[in-house]
Amino acid sequence: MAVATCLSQIHSKMTHKELVIAAHRWLVSETKCGIAFREYKSSRFSTELPDVIGFDGDGLSYVIECKASRADFLADANKLFRQNPETGMGAQRYYCCHESLLKVKDMPRLWGLLHVNDDGRAYLAHDPYEPDNGFVTRHERSLRGEYKVMYSALRRLGSRGLLEEVYEKPSAAKIVAGRAAHRARDGEIWNLKGRPNQQVAIQSVEEYFLVVKSLKTKITDKIKTAKFYQQYEKGEP
């Protein structure tokens, strides 16, 4: 009992926020997922609040739960939508943690595992969705819960007068730039093209913008993804 209690208290080397950022980055860069949300609360009545949830164009949904401690991982099994998996969200589900915390043998049936290394990069440690005789077994899931997430997100855009933007087809350049955002990593140094003395440190990489800090003025700025990759290139520390 004492050993089990001790193991349940093991914590990882990363914070929950760092894990969520790494998981989100992996989902939009390594899968066909075209849209993903981080810690999005669609309603105060929601019972399931995925750390990361995303959708692709073929109706497939992904859920990633990030765990910074073994105790948190063990507690997750007590949730009603874990005990009744068909009431939860995500056709494909993954746990995400530092590579020192959880192992493949810890995973419930049909749960994948993402490991995050010390550099903050997530990678697939266990994939339960490999085809078996041409078929892939995935979770039955709550479509109603997923619809609520998408409806809530669109409704918030509409209330801010931003819904009209969905009618504007993005240019190929912006699509490429959006995908390229995941080249930049937190803490890296980039500089204006042709001006190596004007450098910025990457503070965070989001889906449509980057937060950077000027090494010269110490001012923090938020730059749209397309604009950033048009103006900046990887520099040296």
C-alpha atoms as a PDB file:
ATOM      1  CA  MET A   1       0.000   0.000   0.000  1.00  0.00           C
ATOM      2  CA  ALA A   2       2.793   2.397   0.913  1.00  0.00           C
ATOM      3  CA  VAL A   3       4.548   1.696  -2.405  1.00  0.00           C
ATOM      4  CA  ALA A   4       1.305   2.249  -4.387  1.00  0.00           C
ATOM      5  CA  THR A   5       0.680   5.528  -2.569  1.00  0.00           C
ATOM      6  CA  CYS A   6       4.207   6.668  -3.283  1.00  0.00           C
ATOM      7  CA  LEU A   7       3.901   5.831  -6.976  1.00  0.00           C
ATOM      8  CA  SER A   8       0.595   7.672  -7.229  1.00  0.00           C
ATOM      9  CA  GLN A   9       2.295  10.875  -6.084  1.00  0.00           C
ATOM     10  CA  ILE A  10       5.007  10.851  -8.741  1.00  0.00           C
ATOM     11  CA  HIS A  11       5.116  14.139 -10.658  1.00  0.00           C
ATOM     12  CA  SER A  12       6.650  14.853 -14.055  1.00  0.00           C
ATOM     13  CA  LYS A  13       9.306  17.380 -14.921  1.00  0.00           C
ATOM     14  CA  MET A  14       6.816  19.538 -16.845  1.00  0.00           C
ATOM     15  CA  THR A  15       3.861  21.683 -15.904  1.00  0.00           C
ATOM     16  CA  HIS A  16       0.369  20.964 -17.161  1.00  0.00           C
ATOM     17  CA  LYS A  17       0.440  24.112 -19.326  1.00  0.00           C
ATOM     18  CA  GLU A  18       3.694  23.056 -20.989  1.00  0.00           C
ATOM     19  CA  LEU A  19       2.235  19.643 -21.750  1.00  0.00           C
ATOM     20  CA  VAL A  20      -0.935  21.162 -23.238  1.00  0.00           C
ATOM     21  CA  ILE A  21       1.099  23.431 -25.541  1.00  0.00           C
ATOM     22  CA  ALA A  22       3.228  20.492 -26.712  1.00  0.00           C
ATOM     23  CA  ALA A  23       0.171  18.264 -27.250  1.00  0.00           C
ATOM     24  CA  HIS A  24      -1.670  20.930 -29.243  1.00  0.00           C
ATOM     25  CA  ARG A  25       1.381  21.532 -31.398  1.00  0.00           C
ATOM     26  CA  TRP A  26       1.708  17.795 -32.100  1.00  0.00           C
ATOM     27  CA  LEU A  27      -1.953  17.427 -33.018  1.00  0.00           C
ATOM     28  CA  VAL A  28      -2.050  20.199 -35.620  1.00  0.00           C
ATOM     29  CA  SER A  29       1.339  19.378 -37.117  1.00  0.00           C
ATOM     30  CA  GLU A  30       1.485  15.571 -37.077  1.00  0.00           C
ATOM     31  CA  THR A  31      -2.115  14.585 -37.901  1.00  0.00           C
ATOM     32  CA  LYS A  32      -4.740  15.652 -40.431  1.00  0.00           C
ATOM     33  CA  CYS A  33      -6.440  17.674 -37.704  1.00  0.00           C
ATOM     34  CA  GLY A  34      -7.337  21.053 -39.225  1.00  0.00           C
ATOM     35  CA  ILE A  35      -8.655  22.762 -36.105  1.00  0.00           C
ATOM     36  CA  ALA A  36      -7.837  22.208 -32.441  1.00  0.00           C
ATOM     37  CA  PHE A  37      -8.695  23.874 -29.142  1.00  0.00           C
ATOM     38  CA  ARG A  38      -6.656  24.026 -25.944  1.00  0.00           C
ATOM     39  CA  GLU A  39      -8.478  23.826 -22.594  1.00  0.00           C
ATOM     40  CA  TYR A  40     -11.647  25.138 -24.234  1.00  0.00           C
ATOM     41  CA  LYS A  41     -14.709  25.364 -22.001  1.00  0.00           C
ATOM     42  CA  SER A  42     -17.764  25.374 -24.243  1.00  0.00           C
ATOM     43  CA  SER A  43     -20.291  25.739 -21.439  1.00  0.00           C
ATOM     44  CA  ARG A  44     -20.440  26.061 -17.674  1.00  0.00           C
ATOM     45  CA  PHE A  45     -22.623  22.939 -17.795  1.00  0.00           C
ATOM     46  CA  SER A  46     -19.972  20.876 -19.582  1.00  0.00           C
ATOM     47  CA  THR A  47     -18.824  17.816 -17.682  1.00  0.00           C
ATOM     48  CA  GLU A  48     -15.933  16.906 -19.983  1.00  0.00           C
ATOM     49  CA  LEU A  49     -13.306  19.585 -20.603  1.00  0.00           C
ATOM     50  CA  PRO A  50     -10.573  18.078 -22.794  1.00  0.00           C
ATOM     51  CA  ASP A  51      -7.103  19.560 -22.488  1.00  0.00           C
ATOM     52  CA  VAL A  52      -6.867  19.409 -26.287  1.00  0.00           C
ATOM     53  CA  ILE A  53      -9.637  18.549 -28.734  1.00  0.00           C
ATOM     54  CA  GLY A  54      -9.415  18.689 -32.512  1.00  0.00           C
ATOM     55  CA  PHE A  55     -11.239  17.730 -35.691  1.00  0.00           C
ATOM     56  CA  ASP A  56     -10.244  16.795 -39.214  1.00  0.00           C
ATOM     57  CA  GLY A  57     -12.159  17.160 -42.458  1.00  0.00           C
ATOM     58  CA  ASP A  58     -13.335  13.538 -42.517  1.00  0.00           C
ATOM     59  CA  GLY A  59     -15.336  13.675 -39.287  1.00  0.00           C
ATOM     60  CA  LEU A  60     -12.598  12.225 -37.112  1.00  0.00           C
ATOM     61  CA  SER A  61     -12.120  13.752 -33.662  1.00  0.00           C
ATOM     62  CA  TYR A  62      -9.133  13.689 -31.346  1.00  0.00           C
ATOM     63  CA  VAL A  63      -8.891  14.229 -27.587  1.00  0.00           C
ATOM     64  CA  ILE A  64      -5.649  14.566 -25.621  1.00  0.00           C
ATOM     65  CA  GLU A  65      -5.515  14.530 -21.831  1.00  0.00           C
ATOM     66  CA  CYS A  66      -2.328  15.935 -20.323  1.00  0.00           C
ATOM     67  CA  LYS A  67      -1.055  14.589 -17.015  1.00  0.00           C
ATOM     68  CA  ALA A  68       1.666  16.207 -14.930  1.00  0.00           C
ATOM     69  CA  SER A  69       1.370  13.650 -12.115  1.00  0.00           C
ATOM     70  CA  ARG A  70       0.574   9.988 -11.799  1.00  0.00           C
ATOM     71  CA  ALA A  71      -2.090  10.791  -9.199  1.00  0.00           C
ATOM     72  CA  ASP A  72      -3.931  12.927 -11.759  1.00  0.00           C
ATOM     73  CA  PHE A  73      -3.730  10.092 -14.289  1.00  0.00           C
ATOM     74  CA  LEU A  74      -5.163   7.568 -11.818  1.00  0.00           C
ATOM     75  CA  ALA A  75      -7.962   9.953 -10.799  1.00  0.00           C
ATOM     76  CA  ASP A  76      -8.998  10.318 -14.441  1.00  0.00           C
ATOM     77  CA  ALA A  77     -10.274   6.735 -14.442  1.00  0.00           C
ATOM     78  CA  ASN A  78     -12.968   7.680 -11.909  1.00  0.00           C
ATOM     79  CA  LYS A  79     -14.734  10.116 -14.227  1.00  0.00           C
ATOM     80  CA  LEU A  80     -18.102   8.930 -15.545  1.00  0.00           C
ATOM     81  CA  PHE A  81     -17.154   9.430 -19.183  1.00  0.00           C
ATOM     82  CA  ARG A  82     -14.063   7.269 -18.633  1.00  0.00           C
ATOM     83  CA  GLN A  83     -16.060   4.491 -17.002  1.00  0.00           C
ATOM     84  CA  ASN A  84     -18.516   4.763 -19.911  1.00  0.00           C
ATOM     85  CA  PRO A  85     -16.171   5.597 -22.821  1.00  0.00           C
ATOM     86  CA  GLU A  86     -18.999   5.965 -25.355  1.00  0.00           C
ATOM     87  CA  THR A  87     -20.234   9.075 -23.481  1.00  0.00           C
ATOM     88  CA  GLY A  88     -16.874  10.821 -23.842  1.00  0.00           C
ATOM     89  CA  MET A  89     -15.471  12.847 -26.728  1.00  0.00           C
ATOM     90  CA  GLY A  90     -12.804  11.811 -29.184  1.00  0.00           C
ATOM     91  CA  ALA A  91     -12.757   8.953 -31.673  1.00  0.00           C
ATOM     92  CA  GLN A  92      -9.016   8.827 -31.035  1.00  0.00           C
ATOM     93  CA  ARG A  93      -7.844   9.492 -27.489  1.00  0.00           C
ATOM     94  CA  TYR A  94      -4.390  10.027 -26.081  1.00  0.00           C
ATOM     95  CA  TYR A  95      -2.732  10.684 -22.774  1.00  0.00           C
ATOM     96  CA  CYS A  96       0.178  13.094 -22.868  1.00  0.00           C
ATOM     97  CA  CYS A  97       2.923  13.354 -20.259  1.00  0.00           C
ATOM     98  CA  HIS A  98       6.649  13.787 -19.801  1.00  0.00           C
ATOM     99  CA  GLU A  99       8.443  10.705 -21.084  1.00  0.00           C
ATOM    100  CA  SER A 100       9.465   9.749 -17.555  1.00  0.00           C
ATOM    101  CA  LEU A 101       5.926   9.564 -16.121  1.00  0.00           C
ATOM    102  CA  LEU A 102       3.696   6.995 -17.868  1.00  0.00           C
ATOM    103  CA  LYS A 103       4.447   3.891 -19.913  1.00  0.00           C
ATOM    104  CA  VAL A 104       2.572   2.051 -22.655  1.00  0.00           C
ATOM    105  CA  LYS A 105       1.494  -0.626 -20.158  1.00  0.00           C
ATOM    106  CA  ASP A 106      -0.376   2.069 -18.181  1.00  0.00           C
ATOM    107  CA  MET A 107      -2.686   2.891 -21.068  1.00  0.00           C
ATOM    108  CA  PRO A 108      -6.365   1.852 -21.025  1.00  0.00           C
ATOM    109  CA  ARG A 109      -7.743   0.025 -24.040  1.00  0.00           C
ATOM    110  CA  LEU A 110      -7.691   2.110 -27.233  1.00  0.00           C
ATOM    111  CA  TRP A 111      -5.767   4.990 -25.658  1.00  0.00           C
ATOM    112  CA  GLY A 112      -2.636   6.259 -27.340  1.00  0.00           C
ATOM    113  CA  LEU A 113       0.310   7.805 -25.507  1.00  0.00           C
ATOM    114  CA  LEU A 114       2.238  10.971 -26.311  1.00  0.00           C
ATOM    115  CA  HIS A 115       5.548  11.551 -24.628  1.00  0.00           C
ATOM    116  CA  VAL A 116       7.087  15.010 -24.294  1.00  0.00           C
ATOM    117  CA  ASN A 117      10.868  15.258 -24.044  1.00  0.00           C
ATOM    118  CA  ASP A 118      12.907  17.800 -22.117  1.00  0.00           C
ATOM    119  CA  ASP A 119      12.919  20.111 -25.157  1.00  0.00           C
ATOM    120  CA  GLY A 120       9.127  20.343 -25.061  1.00  0.00           C
ATOM    121  CA  ARG A 121       8.575  18.279 -28.200  1.00  0.00           C
ATOM    122  CA  ALA A 122       5.754  15.726 -28.191  1.00  0.00           C
ATOM    123  CA  TYR A 123       6.086  12.435 -30.037  1.00  0.00           C
ATOM    124  CA  LEU A 124       3.907   9.363 -30.419  1.00  0.00           C
ATOM    125  CA  ALA A 125       5.004   6.654 -27.986  1.00  0.00           C
ATOM    126  CA  HIS A 126       2.027   4.329 -28.500  1.00  0.00           C
ATOM    127  CA  ASP A 127      -0.431   4.171 -31.392  1.00  0.00           C
ATOM    128  CA  PRO A 128      -3.438   1.866 -30.832  1.00  0.00           C
ATOM    129  CA  TYR A 129      -5.001   2.950 -34.137  1.00  0.00           C
ATOM    130  CA  GLU A 130      -2.817   0.968 -36.523  1.00  0.00           C
ATOM    131  CA  PRO A 131      -4.935  -0.957 -39.067  1.00  0.00           C
ATOM    132  CA  ASP A 132      -5.676  -4.570 -38.149  1.00  0.00           C
ATOM    133  CA  ASN A 133      -6.495  -6.558 -41.282  1.00  0.00           C
ATOM    134  CA  GLY A 134      -7.448  -3.313 -42.963  1.00  0.00           C
ATOM    135  CA  PHE A 135      -9.715  -2.111 -40.144  1.00  0.00           C
ATOM    136  CA  VAL A 136      -9.075   0.501 -37.453  1.00  0.00           C
ATOM    137  CA  THR A 137     -10.934   0.281 -34.138  1.00  0.00           C
ATOM    138  CA  ARG A 138     -11.712   3.644 -32.548  1.00  0.00           C
ATOM    139  CA  HIS A 139     -13.834   4.896 -29.683  1.00  0.00           C
ATOM    140  CA  GLU A 140     -17.586   5.315 -29.906  1.00  0.00           C
ATOM    141  CA  ARG A 141     -18.048   8.882 -28.778  1.00  0.00           C
ATOM    142  CA  SER A 142     -20.504  11.593 -27.821  1.00  0.00           C
ATOM    143  CA  LEU A 143     -21.216  13.495 -31.020  1.00  0.00           C
ATOM    144  CA  ARG A 144     -23.487  15.818 -29.053  1.00  0.00           C
ATOM    145  CA  GLY A 145     -20.582  16.857 -26.823  1.00  0.00           C
ATOM    146  CA  GLU A 146     -18.382  17.512 -29.853  1.00  0.00           C
ATOM    147  CA  TYR A 147     -21.109  19.511 -31.592  1.00  0.00           C
ATOM    148  CA  LYS A 148     -21.392  21.666 -28.492  1.00  0.00           C
ATOM    149  CA  VAL A 149     -17.704  22.527 -28.697  1.00  0.00           C
ATOM    150  CA  MET A 150     -17.909  23.552 -32.356  1.00  0.00           C
ATOM    151  CA  TYR A 151     -21.212  25.396 -31.901  1.00  0.00           C
ATOM    152  CA  SER A 152     -19.861  27.307 -28.913  1.00  0.00           C
ATOM    153  CA  ALA A 153     -16.701  28.339 -30.768  1.00  0.00           C
ATOM    154  CA  LEU A 154     -18.647  29.592 -33.812  1.00  0.00           C
ATOM    155  CA  ARG A 155     -21.183  31.375 -31.612  1.00  0.00           C
ATOM    156  CA  ARG A 156     -18.410  33.260 -29.821  1.00  0.00           C
ATOM    157  CA  LEU A 157     -16.954  34.344 -33.142  1.00  0.00           C
ATOM    158  CA  GLY A 158     -20.403  35.465 -34.267  1.00  0.00           C
ATOM    159  CA  SER A 159     -20.987  37.507 -31.127  1.00  0.00           C
ATOM    160  CA  ARG A 160     -17.731  39.359 -31.843  1.00  0.00           C
ATOM    161  CA  GLY A 161     -18.688  40.087 -35.432  1.00  0.00           C
ATOM    162  CA  LEU A 162     -16.015  37.751 -36.805  1.00  0.00           C
ATOM    163  CA  LEU A 163     -18.192  35.120 -38.435  1.00  0.00           C
ATOM    164  CA  GLU A 164     -18.099  36.904 -41.802  1.00  0.00           C
ATOM    165  CA  GLU A 165     -14.443  35.952 -42.066  1.00  0.00           C
ATOM    166  CA  VAL A 166     -15.360  32.302 -42.661  1.00  0.00           C
ATOM    167  CA  TYR A 167     -16.507  33.309 -46.153  1.00  0.00           C
ATOM    168  CA  GLU A 168     -13.007  34.510 -47.038  1.00  0.00           C
ATOM    169  CA  LYS A 169     -10.974  31.726 -48.579  1.00  0.00           C
ATOM    170  CA  PRO A 170      -7.400  31.804 -47.224  1.00  0.00           C
ATOM    171  CA  SER A 171      -4.617  32.186 -49.745  1.00  0.00           C
ATOM    172  CA  ALA A 172      -2.212  29.335 -50.384  1.00  0.00           C
ATOM    173  CA  ALA A 173       0.547  31.455 -48.835  1.00  0.00           C
ATOM    174  CA  LYS A 174      -1.354  31.810 -45.578  1.00  0.00           C
ATOM    175  CA  ILE A 175      -2.122  28.095 -45.444  1.00  0.00           C
ATOM    176  CA  VAL A 176       1.544  27.228 -45.918  1.00  0.00           C
ATOM    177  CA  ALA A 177       2.564  29.830 -43.348  1.00  0.00           C
ATOM    178  CA  GLY A 178       0.037  28.477 -40.886  1.00  0.00           C
ATOM    179  CA  ARG A 179       1.479  25.003 -41.157  1.00  0.00           C
ATOM    180  CA  ALA A 180       4.995  26.393 -40.968  1.00  0.00           C
ATOM    181  CA  ALA A 181       4.270  27.951 -37.584  1.00  0.00           C
ATOM    182  CA  HIS A 182       5.203  24.707 -35.975  1.00  0.00           C
ATOM    183  CA  ARG A 183       8.802  25.070 -37.125  1.00  0.00           C
ATOM    184  CA  ALA A 184       9.379  27.741 -34.496  1.00  0.00           C
ATOM    185  CA  ARG A 185       9.883  26.603 -30.924  1.00  0.00           C
ATOM    186  CA  ASP A 186       9.575  28.390 -27.615  1.00  0.00           C
ATOM    187  CA  GLY A 187      12.851  30.027 -26.616  1.00  0.00           C
ATOM    188  CA  GLU A 188      14.362  30.075 -30.118  1.00  0.00           C
ATOM    189  CA  ILE A 189      15.988  33.210 -31.513  1.00  0.00           C
ATOM    190  CA  TRP A 190      14.791  34.558 -34.869  1.00  0.00           C
ATOM    191  CA  ASN A 191      15.772  37.750 -36.690  1.00  0.00           C
ATOM    192  CA  LEU A 192      14.434  40.030 -39.380  1.00  0.00           C
ATOM    193  CA  LYS A 193      15.528  38.756 -42.772  1.00  0.00           C
ATOM    194  CA  GLY A 194      18.715  40.539 -43.754  1.00  0.00           C
ATOM    195  CA  ARG A 195      18.967  42.224 -40.334  1.00  0.00           C
ATOM    196  CA  PRO A 196      20.649  39.796 -37.939  1.00  0.00           C
ATOM    197  CA  ASN A 197      21.008  42.536 -35.309  1.00  0.00           C
ATOM    198  CA  GLN A 198      17.211  42.809 -34.942  1.00  0.00           C
ATOM    199  CA  GLN A 199      16.393  39.615 -33.080  1.00  0.00           C
ATOM    200  CA  VAL A 200      13.379  38.298 -31.216  1.00  0.00           C
ATOM    201  CA  ALA A 201      12.972  35.413 -28.796  1.00  0.00           C
ATOM    202  CA  ILE A 202       9.973  33.142 -29.372  1.00  0.00           C
ATOM    203  CA  GLN A 203       7.716  33.269 -26.304  1.00  0.00           C
ATOM    204  CA  SER A 204       4.972  30.974 -27.586  1.00  0.00           C
ATOM    205  CA  VAL A 205       3.759  29.485 -30.879  1.00  0.00           C
ATOM    206  CA  GLU A 206      -0.006  29.492 -31.369  1.00  0.00           C
ATOM    207  CA  GLU A 207      -2.022  28.247 -34.317  1.00  0.00           C
ATOM    208  CA  TYR A 208      -2.446  31.600 -36.064  1.00  0.00           C
ATOM    209  CA  PHE A 209       0.132  33.857 -34.403  1.00  0.00           C
ATOM    210  CA  LEU A 210       3.413  33.904 -32.505  1.00  0.00           C
ATOM    211  CA  VAL A 211       4.282  35.853 -29.368  1.00  0.00           C
ATOM    212  CA  VAL A 212       7.816  37.246 -29.553  1.00  0.00           C
ATOM    213  CA  LYS A 213      10.037  39.470 -27.422  1.00  0.00           C
ATOM    214  CA  SER A 214      12.554  41.887 -28.924  1.00  0.00           C
ATOM    215  CA  LEU A 215      16.049  41.265 -27.561  1.00  0.00           C
ATOM    216  CA  LYS A 216      16.857  44.935 -28.158  1.00  0.00           C
ATOM    217  CA  THR A 217      13.815  46.762 -26.763  1.00  0.00           C
ATOM    218  CA  LYS A 218      12.496  43.940 -24.505  1.00  0.00           C
ATOM    219  CA  ILE A 219       9.008  44.674 -25.904  1.00  0.00           C
ATOM    220  CA  THR A 220       6.650  41.706 -26.351  1.00  0.00           C
ATOM    221  CA  ASP A 221       4.580  41.584 -29.536  1.00  0.00           C
ATOM    222  CA  LYS A 222       2.010  39.290 -31.135  1.00  0.00           C
ATOM    223  CA  ILE A 223       2.611  38.663 -34.862  1.00  0.00           C
ATOM    224  CA  LYS A 224       0.324  36.823 -37.277  1.00  0.00           C
ATOM    225  CA  THR A 225       1.812  33.575 -38.538  1.00  0.00           C
ATOM    226  CA  ALA A 226       1.881  34.512 -42.239  1.00  0.00           C
ATOM    227  CA  LYS A 227       3.509  37.866 -41.521  1.00  0.00           C
ATOM    228  CA  PHE A 228       6.091  36.349 -39.180  1.00  0.00           C
ATOM    229  CA  TYR A 229       7.385  33.840 -41.711  1.00  0.00           C
ATOM    230  CA  GLN A 230       7.459  36.456 -44.429  1.00  0.00           C
ATOM    231  CA  GLN A 231       9.638  38.760 -42.325  1.00  0.00           C
ATOM    232  CA  TYR A 232      11.710  36.533 -40.034  1.00  0.00           C
ATOM    233  CA  GLU A 233      14.235  33.742 -40.356  1.00  0.00           C
ATOM    234  CA  LYS A 234      15.933  31.444 -37.866  1.00  0.00           C
ATOM    235  CA  GLY A 235      18.814  33.230 -36.149  1.00  0.00           C
ATOM    236  CA  GLU A 236      21.626  32.368 -33.811  1.00  0.00           C
ATOM    237  CA  PRO A 237      21.516  32.859 -30.015  1.00  0.00           C
END
